[in-house]
């Protein structure tokens, strides 16, 4: 249980990246959107290098024991997928879409996880789905019109609540939550009247 709490706190700490970007002007950090994109690419690249060292070279830090689950021992760690998906949405989408998608992963996923029984299910129980949808909608409202925020939240909820398996490999929701949310937000903004 203690390791699960640590994982959730590390997960939530990703919201600090969004806060950093939002406060950059007020703090005179010079963090433009382009520089923020570079920062996320750098973080994702660092995670990929660490995963290569862990999986191919055998680097075995104690930190991996705490922050990775048993099924990740021979597969890419969720933390790497987390950073890759955040970098992907930041590179592809504008801030109004990318930032709430990042928050849906950083905050929605660990909060919905607190009401989950942490067992692998094809579709999570309604209380988990509702929690994810509500949290995702709330974090998106400051960035997007309400209808678009709800559509993006629906994408995050599907990614979090429906287990996707390709052959025998389970696709981690750390990879899919921001991508589904951002794609649906973008699509909604394209088709909905202004």
N, C-alpha and C. Protein backbone atom coordinates (compact mmCIF):
# COMPACT_ATOMS: atom_id res chain seq x y z
N UNK A 1 0.82 -1.20 0.00
CA UNK A 1 0.00 0.00 0.00
C UNK A 1 0.86 1.26 0.00
N UNK A 2 1.96 1.25 0.75
CA UNK A 2 2.84 2.41 0.81
C UNK A 2 3.44 2.70 -0.55
N UNK A 3 3.86 1.64 -1.27
CA UNK A 3 4.41 1.83 -2.61
C UNK A 3 3.36 2.37 -3.57
N UNK A 4 2.12 1.94 -3.40
CA UNK A 4 1.03 2.43 -4.26
C UNK A 4 0.80 3.91 -4.01
N UNK A 5 0.86 4.35 -2.77
CA UNK A 5 0.71 5.76 -2.45
C UNK A 5 1.86 6.57 -3.06
N UNK A 6 3.07 6.04 -2.97
CA UNK A 6 4.23 6.72 -3.56
C UNK A 6 4.04 6.87 -5.07
N UNK A 7 3.57 5.82 -5.73
CA UNK A 7 3.32 5.88 -7.18
C UNK A 7 2.29 6.95 -7.51
N UNK A 8 1.23 7.02 -6.71
CA UNK A 8 0.18 8.02 -6.96
C UNK A 8 0.72 9.44 -6.76
N UNK A 9 1.54 9.63 -5.74
CA UNK A 9 2.12 10.96 -5.50
C UNK A 9 3.08 11.37 -6.61
N UNK A 10 3.88 10.42 -7.09
CA UNK A 10 4.78 10.72 -8.21
C UNK A 10 3.93 11.05 -9.44
N UNK A 11 2.87 10.29 -9.64
CA UNK A 11 1.95 10.53 -10.75
C UNK A 11 1.42 11.96 -10.70
N UNK A 12 0.92 12.36 -9.54
CA UNK A 12 0.34 13.68 -9.36
C UNK A 12 1.37 14.79 -9.51
N UNK A 13 2.63 14.47 -9.22
CA UNK A 13 3.67 15.51 -9.33
C UNK A 13 3.85 16.00 -10.76
N UNK A 14 3.38 15.23 -11.73
CA UNK A 14 3.45 15.67 -13.12
C UNK A 14 2.64 16.92 -13.36
N UNK A 15 1.65 17.18 -12.50
CA UNK A 15 0.88 18.42 -12.63
C UNK A 15 1.77 19.64 -12.40
N UNK A 16 2.89 19.43 -11.72
CA UNK A 16 3.85 20.52 -11.53
C UNK A 16 4.40 21.06 -12.83
N UNK A 17 4.49 20.20 -13.84
CA UNK A 17 4.95 20.67 -15.15
C UNK A 17 3.97 21.67 -15.74
N UNK A 18 2.68 21.39 -15.60
CA UNK A 18 1.65 22.32 -16.10
C UNK A 18 1.72 23.62 -15.31
N UNK A 19 1.82 23.52 -13.99
CA UNK A 19 1.91 24.71 -13.15
C UNK A 19 3.15 25.53 -13.52
N UNK A 20 4.26 24.86 -13.76
CA UNK A 20 5.49 25.55 -14.16
C UNK A 20 5.26 26.36 -15.42
N UNK A 21 4.61 25.76 -16.41
CA UNK A 21 4.35 26.49 -17.65
C UNK A 21 3.40 27.66 -17.39
N UNK A 22 2.34 27.43 -16.62
CA UNK A 22 1.35 28.49 -16.39
C UNK A 22 1.91 29.66 -15.59
N UNK A 23 2.86 29.39 -14.71
CA UNK A 23 3.45 30.46 -13.89
C UNK A 23 4.73 31.04 -14.48
N UNK A 24 5.17 30.52 -15.61
CA UNK A 24 6.46 30.92 -16.18
C UNK A 24 6.55 32.42 -16.43
N UNK A 25 5.50 33.00 -16.97
CA UNK A 25 5.55 34.45 -17.23
C UNK A 25 5.60 35.25 -15.94
N UNK A 26 4.76 34.88 -14.98
CA UNK A 26 4.72 35.61 -13.71
C UNK A 26 6.05 35.50 -12.97
N UNK A 27 6.70 34.37 -13.11
CA UNK A 27 8.00 34.15 -12.45
C UNK A 27 9.18 34.58 -13.32
N UNK A 28 8.86 35.09 -14.51
CA UNK A 28 9.88 35.54 -15.46
C UNK A 28 10.92 34.45 -15.74
N UNK A 29 10.41 33.26 -16.04
CA UNK A 29 11.30 32.13 -16.31
C UNK A 29 11.70 32.02 -17.78
N UNK A 30 11.00 32.73 -18.64
CA UNK A 30 11.31 32.65 -20.08
C UNK A 30 10.94 31.30 -20.68
N UNK A 31 9.96 30.65 -20.10
CA UNK A 31 9.55 29.33 -20.58
C UNK A 31 8.44 29.49 -21.61
N UNK A 32 8.84 29.66 -22.86
CA UNK A 32 7.88 29.76 -23.94
C UNK A 32 7.29 28.37 -24.23
N UNK A 33 6.25 28.33 -25.06
CA UNK A 33 5.67 27.04 -25.42
C UNK A 33 6.71 26.17 -26.12
N UNK A 34 7.52 26.76 -26.99
CA UNK A 34 8.56 26.01 -27.68
C UNK A 34 9.56 25.42 -26.68
N UNK A 35 9.98 26.20 -25.71
CA UNK A 35 10.91 25.69 -24.69
C UNK A 35 10.26 24.62 -23.82
N UNK A 36 8.97 24.78 -23.56
CA UNK A 36 8.24 23.77 -22.80
C UNK A 36 8.19 22.46 -23.60
N UNK A 37 7.97 22.57 -24.90
CA UNK A 37 7.99 21.38 -25.75
C UNK A 37 9.35 20.69 -25.68
N UNK A 38 10.42 21.50 -25.76
CA UNK A 38 11.78 20.93 -25.67
C UNK A 38 12.01 20.26 -24.31
N UNK A 39 11.52 20.88 -23.25
CA UNK A 39 11.66 20.30 -21.91
C UNK A 39 10.99 18.93 -21.84
N UNK A 40 9.77 18.83 -22.36
CA UNK A 40 9.05 17.55 -22.33
C UNK A 40 9.74 16.51 -23.21
N UNK A 41 10.26 16.92 -24.35
CA UNK A 41 11.00 15.99 -25.21
C UNK A 41 12.25 15.50 -24.47
N UNK A 42 12.93 16.40 -23.78
CA UNK A 42 14.13 16.03 -23.01
C UNK A 42 13.78 15.04 -21.90
N UNK A 43 12.69 15.30 -21.17
CA UNK A 43 12.27 14.40 -20.10
C UNK A 43 11.89 13.02 -20.65
N UNK A 44 11.16 13.00 -21.76
CA UNK A 44 10.75 11.73 -22.36
C UNK A 44 11.98 10.97 -22.87
N UNK A 45 12.92 11.68 -23.45
CA UNK A 45 14.15 11.04 -23.94
C UNK A 45 14.94 10.46 -22.77
N UNK A 46 15.02 11.21 -21.67
CA UNK A 46 15.71 10.71 -20.48
C UNK A 46 15.06 9.44 -19.95
N UNK A 47 13.73 9.41 -19.96
CA UNK A 47 13.02 8.21 -19.50
C UNK A 47 13.30 7.03 -20.42
N UNK A 48 13.34 7.29 -21.72
CA UNK A 48 13.64 6.21 -22.68
C UNK A 48 15.05 5.67 -22.46
N UNK A 49 16.00 6.55 -22.19
CA UNK A 49 17.38 6.11 -21.93
C UNK A 49 17.42 5.26 -20.65
N UNK A 50 16.73 5.73 -19.60
CA UNK A 50 16.70 4.95 -18.36
C UNK A 50 16.05 3.58 -18.57
N UNK A 51 14.99 3.55 -19.37
CA UNK A 51 14.34 2.27 -19.64
C UNK A 51 15.23 1.35 -20.46
N UNK A 52 15.98 1.91 -21.40
CA UNK A 52 16.93 1.10 -22.16
C UNK A 52 17.97 0.51 -21.21
N UNK A 53 18.50 1.35 -20.31
CA UNK A 53 19.50 0.87 -19.36
C UNK A 53 18.92 -0.19 -18.42
N UNK A 54 17.67 -0.01 -18.02
CA UNK A 54 17.03 -0.97 -17.11
C UNK A 54 16.74 -2.29 -17.81
N UNK A 55 16.15 -2.22 -19.01
CA UNK A 55 15.69 -3.43 -19.69
C UNK A 55 16.78 -4.14 -20.48
N UNK A 56 17.72 -3.40 -21.04
CA UNK A 56 18.73 -4.01 -21.91
C UNK A 56 20.08 -4.20 -21.24
N UNK A 57 20.45 -3.26 -20.35
CA UNK A 57 21.77 -3.32 -19.72
C UNK A 57 21.68 -3.97 -18.34
N UNK A 58 20.53 -3.84 -17.71
CA UNK A 58 20.36 -4.46 -16.40
C UNK A 58 20.52 -3.50 -15.23
N UNK A 59 20.45 -2.21 -15.48
CA UNK A 59 20.51 -1.22 -14.41
C UNK A 59 19.36 -1.51 -13.45
N UNK A 60 19.68 -1.68 -12.17
CA UNK A 60 18.66 -2.09 -11.21
C UNK A 60 18.73 -1.22 -9.96
N UNK A 61 18.17 -0.03 -10.07
CA UNK A 61 18.13 0.87 -8.92
C UNK A 61 16.97 0.52 -8.02
N UNK A 62 17.12 0.74 -6.73
CA UNK A 62 16.06 0.49 -5.75
C UNK A 62 14.79 1.27 -6.12
N UNK A 63 14.96 2.45 -6.69
CA UNK A 63 13.83 3.29 -7.09
C UNK A 63 12.88 2.54 -8.02
N UNK A 64 13.44 1.71 -8.90
CA UNK A 64 12.59 0.94 -9.81
C UNK A 64 11.69 -0.03 -9.06
N UNK A 65 12.19 -0.60 -7.96
CA UNK A 65 11.39 -1.53 -7.17
C UNK A 65 10.17 -0.84 -6.56
N UNK A 66 10.34 0.43 -6.19
CA UNK A 66 9.26 1.16 -5.54
C UNK A 66 8.28 1.70 -6.56
N UNK A 67 8.77 2.21 -7.68
CA UNK A 67 7.91 2.94 -8.61
C UNK A 67 7.43 2.14 -9.81
N UNK A 68 7.86 0.90 -9.93
CA UNK A 68 7.33 0.07 -11.02
C UNK A 68 6.56 -1.11 -10.42
N UNK A 69 5.59 -1.57 -11.16
CA UNK A 69 4.81 -2.72 -10.71
C UNK A 69 5.45 -3.99 -11.24
N UNK A 70 5.00 -5.11 -10.72
CA UNK A 70 5.60 -6.39 -11.09
C UNK A 70 5.54 -6.65 -12.59
N UNK A 71 4.40 -6.33 -13.22
CA UNK A 71 4.26 -6.61 -14.66
C UNK A 71 5.14 -5.71 -15.52
N UNK A 72 5.73 -4.67 -14.92
CA UNK A 72 6.61 -3.78 -15.67
C UNK A 72 8.07 -4.22 -15.61
N UNK A 73 8.36 -5.29 -14.90
CA UNK A 73 9.74 -5.70 -14.74
C UNK A 73 10.43 -5.99 -16.06
N UNK A 74 9.70 -6.55 -17.02
CA UNK A 74 10.28 -6.88 -18.33
C UNK A 74 9.67 -6.06 -19.46
N UNK A 75 8.90 -5.04 -19.11
CA UNK A 75 8.24 -4.18 -20.08
C UNK A 75 8.56 -2.72 -19.75
N UNK A 76 8.32 -1.82 -20.69
CA UNK A 76 8.57 -0.40 -20.39
C UNK A 76 7.78 0.04 -19.16
N UNK A 77 8.45 0.79 -18.30
CA UNK A 77 7.82 1.28 -17.08
C UNK A 77 6.76 2.32 -17.39
N UNK A 78 5.75 2.37 -16.55
CA UNK A 78 4.65 3.32 -16.74
C UNK A 78 5.16 4.76 -16.69
N UNK A 79 6.20 5.04 -15.91
CA UNK A 79 6.72 6.40 -15.83
C UNK A 79 7.23 6.87 -17.19
N UNK A 80 7.84 5.96 -17.96
CA UNK A 80 8.34 6.32 -19.29
C UNK A 80 7.19 6.58 -20.24
N UNK A 81 6.16 5.74 -20.19
CA UNK A 81 4.98 5.92 -21.03
C UNK A 81 4.27 7.23 -20.67
N UNK A 82 4.28 7.55 -19.41
CA UNK A 82 3.70 8.80 -18.89
C UNK A 82 4.38 10.00 -19.54
N UNK A 83 5.70 10.02 -19.52
CA UNK A 83 6.43 11.15 -20.09
C UNK A 83 6.35 11.18 -21.61
N UNK A 84 6.33 10.02 -22.23
CA UNK A 84 6.20 9.96 -23.70
C UNK A 84 4.85 10.53 -24.13
N UNK A 85 3.78 10.14 -23.45
CA UNK A 85 2.46 10.63 -23.85
C UNK A 85 2.32 12.12 -23.58
N UNK A 86 2.88 12.59 -22.48
CA UNK A 86 2.83 14.04 -22.21
C UNK A 86 3.62 14.80 -23.28
N UNK A 87 4.79 14.30 -23.62
CA UNK A 87 5.59 14.96 -24.65
C UNK A 87 4.84 14.95 -25.99
N UNK A 88 4.19 13.85 -26.30
CA UNK A 88 3.47 13.74 -27.57
C UNK A 88 2.37 14.79 -27.69
N UNK A 89 1.57 14.96 -26.64
CA UNK A 89 0.48 15.94 -26.74
C UNK A 89 1.01 17.37 -26.74
N UNK A 90 2.11 17.61 -26.05
CA UNK A 90 2.69 18.95 -26.04
C UNK A 90 3.28 19.30 -27.40
N UNK A 91 3.85 18.33 -28.07
CA UNK A 91 4.44 18.58 -29.39
C UNK A 91 3.36 18.76 -30.46
N UNK A 92 2.29 17.98 -30.38
CA UNK A 92 1.28 17.97 -31.44
C UNK A 92 0.19 19.04 -31.27
N UNK A 93 -0.19 19.34 -30.03
CA UNK A 93 -1.35 20.19 -29.80
C UNK A 93 -0.97 21.52 -29.16
N UNK A 94 -1.89 22.47 -29.27
CA UNK A 94 -1.72 23.78 -28.65
C UNK A 94 -1.90 23.65 -27.14
N UNK A 95 -1.44 24.67 -26.38
CA UNK A 95 -1.52 24.58 -24.92
C UNK A 95 -2.93 24.33 -24.38
N UNK A 96 -3.96 24.95 -24.96
CA UNK A 96 -5.32 24.80 -24.45
C UNK A 96 -5.81 23.36 -24.52
N UNK A 97 -5.21 22.55 -25.38
CA UNK A 97 -5.57 21.13 -25.49
C UNK A 97 -4.57 20.27 -24.71
N UNK A 98 -3.29 20.55 -24.88
CA UNK A 98 -2.25 19.71 -24.28
C UNK A 98 -2.23 19.79 -22.75
N UNK A 99 -2.37 20.99 -22.20
CA UNK A 99 -2.25 21.13 -20.75
C UNK A 99 -3.35 20.39 -19.98
N UNK A 100 -4.63 20.51 -20.38
CA UNK A 100 -5.63 19.71 -19.64
C UNK A 100 -5.45 18.22 -19.86
N UNK A 101 -4.98 17.82 -21.04
CA UNK A 101 -4.72 16.39 -21.28
C UNK A 101 -3.64 15.88 -20.33
N UNK A 102 -2.63 16.71 -20.09
CA UNK A 102 -1.58 16.34 -19.14
C UNK A 102 -2.15 16.22 -17.73
N UNK A 103 -3.02 17.17 -17.36
CA UNK A 103 -3.60 17.14 -16.01
C UNK A 103 -4.53 15.94 -15.82
N UNK A 104 -5.19 15.53 -16.88
CA UNK A 104 -6.07 14.36 -16.77
C UNK A 104 -5.25 13.13 -16.40
N UNK A 105 -4.04 13.04 -16.95
CA UNK A 105 -3.15 11.93 -16.60
C UNK A 105 -2.57 12.13 -15.21
N UNK A 106 -2.06 13.33 -14.94
CA UNK A 106 -1.36 13.58 -13.68
C UNK A 106 -2.28 13.54 -12.47
N UNK A 107 -3.51 14.02 -12.61
CA UNK A 107 -4.43 14.08 -11.47
C UNK A 107 -5.59 13.10 -11.58
N UNK A 108 -6.19 13.00 -12.76
CA UNK A 108 -7.35 12.13 -12.92
C UNK A 108 -7.02 10.67 -12.67
N UNK A 109 -5.93 10.21 -13.25
CA UNK A 109 -5.58 8.79 -13.12
C UNK A 109 -5.31 8.38 -11.68
N UNK A 110 -4.48 9.11 -10.91
CA UNK A 110 -4.28 8.66 -9.52
C UNK A 110 -5.51 8.83 -8.64
N UNK A 111 -6.34 9.84 -8.92
CA UNK A 111 -7.55 10.01 -8.11
C UNK A 111 -8.54 8.89 -8.42
N UNK A 112 -8.71 8.55 -9.70
CA UNK A 112 -9.62 7.43 -10.02
C UNK A 112 -9.06 6.13 -9.47
N UNK A 113 -7.73 6.04 -9.39
CA UNK A 113 -7.10 4.85 -8.83
C UNK A 113 -7.40 4.65 -7.35
N UNK A 114 -7.69 5.75 -6.65
CA UNK A 114 -7.99 5.62 -5.22
C UNK A 114 -9.35 4.97 -4.98
N UNK A 115 -10.26 5.02 -5.96
CA UNK A 115 -11.56 4.37 -5.79
C UNK A 115 -11.61 3.01 -6.50
N UNK A 116 -10.48 2.62 -7.08
CA UNK A 116 -10.39 1.35 -7.78
C UNK A 116 -9.87 0.27 -6.84
N UNK A 117 -10.16 -0.98 -7.17
CA UNK A 117 -9.63 -2.08 -6.36
C UNK A 117 -8.29 -2.58 -6.89
N UNK A 118 -7.74 -1.90 -7.90
CA UNK A 118 -6.42 -2.19 -8.46
C UNK A 118 -6.29 -3.59 -9.06
N UNK A 119 -7.40 -4.15 -9.51
CA UNK A 119 -7.32 -5.41 -10.23
C UNK A 119 -7.48 -5.11 -11.72
N UNK A 120 -6.86 -5.92 -12.54
CA UNK A 120 -6.94 -5.72 -13.99
C UNK A 120 -8.29 -6.23 -14.47
N UNK A 121 -9.09 -5.31 -15.00
CA UNK A 121 -10.41 -5.64 -15.51
C UNK A 121 -10.54 -5.07 -16.92
N UNK A 122 -11.32 -5.73 -17.75
CA UNK A 122 -11.54 -5.23 -19.12
C UNK A 122 -12.16 -3.84 -19.08
N UNK A 123 -13.20 -3.67 -18.23
CA UNK A 123 -13.83 -2.38 -18.03
C UNK A 123 -13.93 -2.14 -16.53
N UNK A 124 -13.44 -0.98 -16.08
CA UNK A 124 -13.46 -0.67 -14.66
C UNK A 124 -14.88 -0.41 -14.18
N UNK A 125 -15.13 -0.54 -12.88
CA UNK A 125 -16.46 -0.32 -12.32
C UNK A 125 -16.94 1.13 -12.54
N UNK A 126 -18.26 1.32 -12.53
CA UNK A 126 -18.83 2.66 -12.76
C UNK A 126 -18.26 3.75 -11.85
N UNK A 127 -18.02 3.46 -10.57
CA UNK A 127 -17.53 4.51 -9.68
C UNK A 127 -16.15 5.01 -10.12
N UNK A 128 -15.34 4.14 -10.69
CA UNK A 128 -14.02 4.54 -11.20
C UNK A 128 -14.19 5.40 -12.45
N UNK A 129 -15.07 4.96 -13.34
CA UNK A 129 -15.32 5.71 -14.58
C UNK A 129 -15.88 7.10 -14.28
N UNK A 130 -16.82 7.17 -13.37
CA UNK A 130 -17.44 8.46 -13.01
C UNK A 130 -16.41 9.37 -12.37
N UNK A 131 -15.60 8.84 -11.49
CA UNK A 131 -14.55 9.64 -10.83
C UNK A 131 -13.59 10.21 -11.86
N UNK A 132 -13.13 9.37 -12.77
CA UNK A 132 -12.19 9.83 -13.80
C UNK A 132 -12.84 10.90 -14.66
N UNK A 133 -14.08 10.69 -15.05
CA UNK A 133 -14.77 11.66 -15.90
C UNK A 133 -14.92 13.00 -15.18
N UNK A 134 -15.35 12.97 -13.94
CA UNK A 134 -15.56 14.22 -13.20
C UNK A 134 -14.26 14.98 -12.97
N UNK A 135 -13.22 14.28 -12.52
CA UNK A 135 -11.94 14.95 -12.29
C UNK A 135 -11.39 15.50 -13.60
N UNK A 136 -11.48 14.73 -14.66
CA UNK A 136 -10.95 15.17 -15.96
C UNK A 136 -11.72 16.38 -16.48
N UNK A 137 -13.02 16.39 -16.29
CA UNK A 137 -13.81 17.54 -16.72
C UNK A 137 -13.42 18.78 -15.94
N UNK A 138 -13.30 18.65 -14.63
CA UNK A 138 -12.95 19.79 -13.77
C UNK A 138 -11.59 20.38 -14.15
N UNK A 139 -10.59 19.53 -14.41
CA UNK A 139 -9.27 20.08 -14.74
C UNK A 139 -9.23 20.69 -16.14
N UNK A 140 -10.17 20.31 -17.01
CA UNK A 140 -10.19 20.83 -18.37
C UNK A 140 -10.97 22.13 -18.50
N UNK A 141 -11.90 22.39 -17.60
CA UNK A 141 -12.77 23.57 -17.72
C UNK A 141 -12.00 24.89 -17.80
N UNK A 142 -10.92 25.08 -17.07
CA UNK A 142 -10.21 26.37 -17.21
C UNK A 142 -9.57 26.58 -18.60
N UNK A 143 -9.44 25.52 -19.37
CA UNK A 143 -8.75 25.61 -20.65
C UNK A 143 -9.68 25.53 -21.86
N UNK A 144 -10.80 24.86 -21.71
CA UNK A 144 -11.66 24.53 -22.84
C UNK A 144 -13.12 24.88 -22.55
N UNK A 145 -13.91 25.14 -23.60
CA UNK A 145 -15.35 25.29 -23.37
C UNK A 145 -15.90 24.02 -22.71
N UNK A 146 -16.98 24.17 -21.93
CA UNK A 146 -17.50 23.05 -21.14
C UNK A 146 -17.77 21.80 -21.98
N UNK A 147 -18.43 21.95 -23.11
CA UNK A 147 -18.76 20.78 -23.94
C UNK A 147 -17.49 20.09 -24.42
N UNK A 148 -16.49 20.87 -24.80
CA UNK A 148 -15.22 20.29 -25.27
C UNK A 148 -14.48 19.64 -24.10
N UNK A 149 -14.52 20.28 -22.94
CA UNK A 149 -13.89 19.71 -21.74
C UNK A 149 -14.50 18.34 -21.43
N UNK A 150 -15.81 18.23 -21.56
CA UNK A 150 -16.48 16.96 -21.28
C UNK A 150 -16.14 15.90 -22.33
N UNK A 151 -16.00 16.30 -23.57
CA UNK A 151 -15.62 15.35 -24.62
C UNK A 151 -14.19 14.86 -24.39
N UNK A 152 -13.29 15.80 -24.04
CA UNK A 152 -11.91 15.41 -23.72
C UNK A 152 -11.89 14.47 -22.52
N UNK A 153 -12.71 14.79 -21.51
CA UNK A 153 -12.79 13.94 -20.31
C UNK A 153 -13.31 12.55 -20.66
N UNK A 154 -14.21 12.48 -21.62
CA UNK A 154 -14.71 11.18 -22.07
C UNK A 154 -13.55 10.36 -22.66
N UNK A 155 -12.69 11.01 -23.44
CA UNK A 155 -11.52 10.31 -23.98
C UNK A 155 -10.61 9.79 -22.88
N UNK A 156 -10.34 10.64 -21.88
CA UNK A 156 -9.50 10.22 -20.75
C UNK A 156 -10.15 9.07 -19.99
N UNK A 157 -11.47 9.13 -19.84
CA UNK A 157 -12.20 8.09 -19.11
C UNK A 157 -12.15 6.76 -19.86
N UNK A 158 -12.31 6.81 -21.18
CA UNK A 158 -12.20 5.58 -21.98
C UNK A 158 -10.80 4.98 -21.85
N UNK A 159 -9.79 5.84 -21.94
CA UNK A 159 -8.41 5.36 -21.84
C UNK A 159 -8.13 4.75 -20.47
N UNK A 160 -8.65 5.38 -19.44
CA UNK A 160 -8.42 4.89 -18.08
C UNK A 160 -9.28 3.67 -17.76
N UNK A 161 -10.50 3.66 -18.27
CA UNK A 161 -11.46 2.66 -17.83
C UNK A 161 -11.60 1.41 -18.66
N UNK A 162 -11.08 1.44 -19.89
CA UNK A 162 -11.20 0.27 -20.78
C UNK A 162 -9.80 -0.24 -21.08
N UNK A 163 -9.51 -1.44 -20.66
CA UNK A 163 -8.18 -2.02 -20.86
C UNK A 163 -8.00 -2.41 -22.32
N UNK A 164 -6.95 -1.86 -22.91
CA UNK A 164 -6.62 -2.15 -24.31
C UNK A 164 -5.48 -3.16 -24.34
N UNK A 165 -5.70 -4.25 -25.06
CA UNK A 165 -4.69 -5.31 -25.16
C UNK A 165 -4.41 -5.60 -26.62
N UNK A 166 -3.14 -5.57 -26.99
CA UNK A 166 -2.73 -5.93 -28.34
C UNK A 166 -1.89 -7.19 -28.22
N UNK A 167 -2.42 -8.25 -28.84
CA UNK A 167 -1.88 -9.60 -28.64
C UNK A 167 -1.92 -9.91 -27.16
N UNK A 168 -0.81 -10.05 -26.51
CA UNK A 168 -0.84 -10.30 -25.07
C UNK A 168 -0.29 -9.12 -24.28
N UNK A 169 -0.04 -8.01 -24.95
CA UNK A 169 0.53 -6.84 -24.28
C UNK A 169 -0.58 -5.86 -23.91
N UNK A 170 -0.65 -5.54 -22.63
CA UNK A 170 -1.62 -4.57 -22.12
C UNK A 170 -1.06 -3.17 -22.36
N UNK A 171 -1.83 -2.33 -23.04
CA UNK A 171 -1.41 -0.95 -23.28
C UNK A 171 -1.72 -0.14 -22.02
N UNK A 172 -0.70 0.42 -21.42
CA UNK A 172 -0.83 1.17 -20.18
C UNK A 172 -1.59 2.47 -20.42
N UNK A 173 -2.50 2.80 -19.51
CA UNK A 173 -3.27 4.04 -19.67
C UNK A 173 -2.42 5.29 -19.53
N UNK A 174 -1.22 5.17 -18.98
CA UNK A 174 -0.32 6.33 -18.93
C UNK A 174 0.04 6.79 -20.34
N UNK A 175 0.00 5.88 -21.27
CA UNK A 175 0.27 6.23 -22.66
C UNK A 175 -0.97 6.78 -23.34
N UNK A 176 -2.13 6.26 -23.01
CA UNK A 176 -3.33 6.59 -23.78
C UNK A 176 -4.16 7.75 -23.24
N UNK A 177 -4.15 8.00 -21.94
CA UNK A 177 -5.03 9.03 -21.37
C UNK A 177 -4.83 10.40 -22.03
N UNK A 178 -3.62 10.95 -22.05
CA UNK A 178 -3.48 12.29 -22.66
C UNK A 178 -3.75 12.29 -24.17
N UNK A 179 -3.38 11.21 -24.82
CA UNK A 179 -3.55 11.15 -26.27
C UNK A 179 -5.03 11.08 -26.65
N UNK A 180 -5.79 10.22 -25.99
CA UNK A 180 -7.23 10.15 -26.27
C UNK A 180 -7.90 11.49 -25.95
N UNK A 181 -7.56 12.05 -24.79
CA UNK A 181 -8.19 13.31 -24.37
C UNK A 181 -7.87 14.43 -25.35
N UNK A 182 -6.61 14.55 -25.74
CA UNK A 182 -6.22 15.64 -26.64
C UNK A 182 -6.83 15.46 -28.03
N UNK A 183 -6.83 14.24 -28.52
CA UNK A 183 -7.41 14.00 -29.86
C UNK A 183 -8.90 14.31 -29.88
N UNK A 184 -9.63 13.89 -28.85
CA UNK A 184 -11.06 14.18 -28.82
C UNK A 184 -11.33 15.67 -28.62
N UNK A 185 -10.51 16.34 -27.82
CA UNK A 185 -10.66 17.80 -27.64
C UNK A 185 -10.43 18.50 -28.97
N UNK A 186 -9.38 18.13 -29.67
CA UNK A 186 -9.08 18.75 -30.94
C UNK A 186 -10.22 18.51 -31.94
N UNK A 187 -10.69 17.28 -32.01
CA UNK A 187 -11.79 16.94 -32.92
C UNK A 187 -13.04 17.74 -32.57
N UNK A 188 -13.36 17.83 -31.29
CA UNK A 188 -14.54 18.60 -30.86
C UNK A 188 -14.40 20.06 -31.24
N UNK A 189 -13.23 20.64 -31.06
CA UNK A 189 -13.02 22.04 -31.42
C UNK A 189 -13.14 22.25 -32.93
N UNK A 190 -12.74 21.24 -33.69
CA UNK A 190 -12.83 21.35 -35.16
C UNK A 190 -14.26 21.27 -35.67
N UNK A 191 -15.09 20.44 -35.05
CA UNK A 191 -16.44 20.22 -35.60
C UNK A 191 -17.53 21.03 -34.92
N UNK A 192 -17.27 21.51 -33.71
CA UNK A 192 -18.30 22.28 -33.00
C UNK A 192 -18.28 23.73 -33.47
N UNK A 193 -19.46 24.35 -33.57
CA UNK A 193 -19.49 25.76 -33.97
C UNK A 193 -18.82 26.64 -32.92
N UNK A 194 -18.17 27.68 -33.38
CA UNK A 194 -17.44 28.57 -32.47
C UNK A 194 -18.38 29.41 -31.62
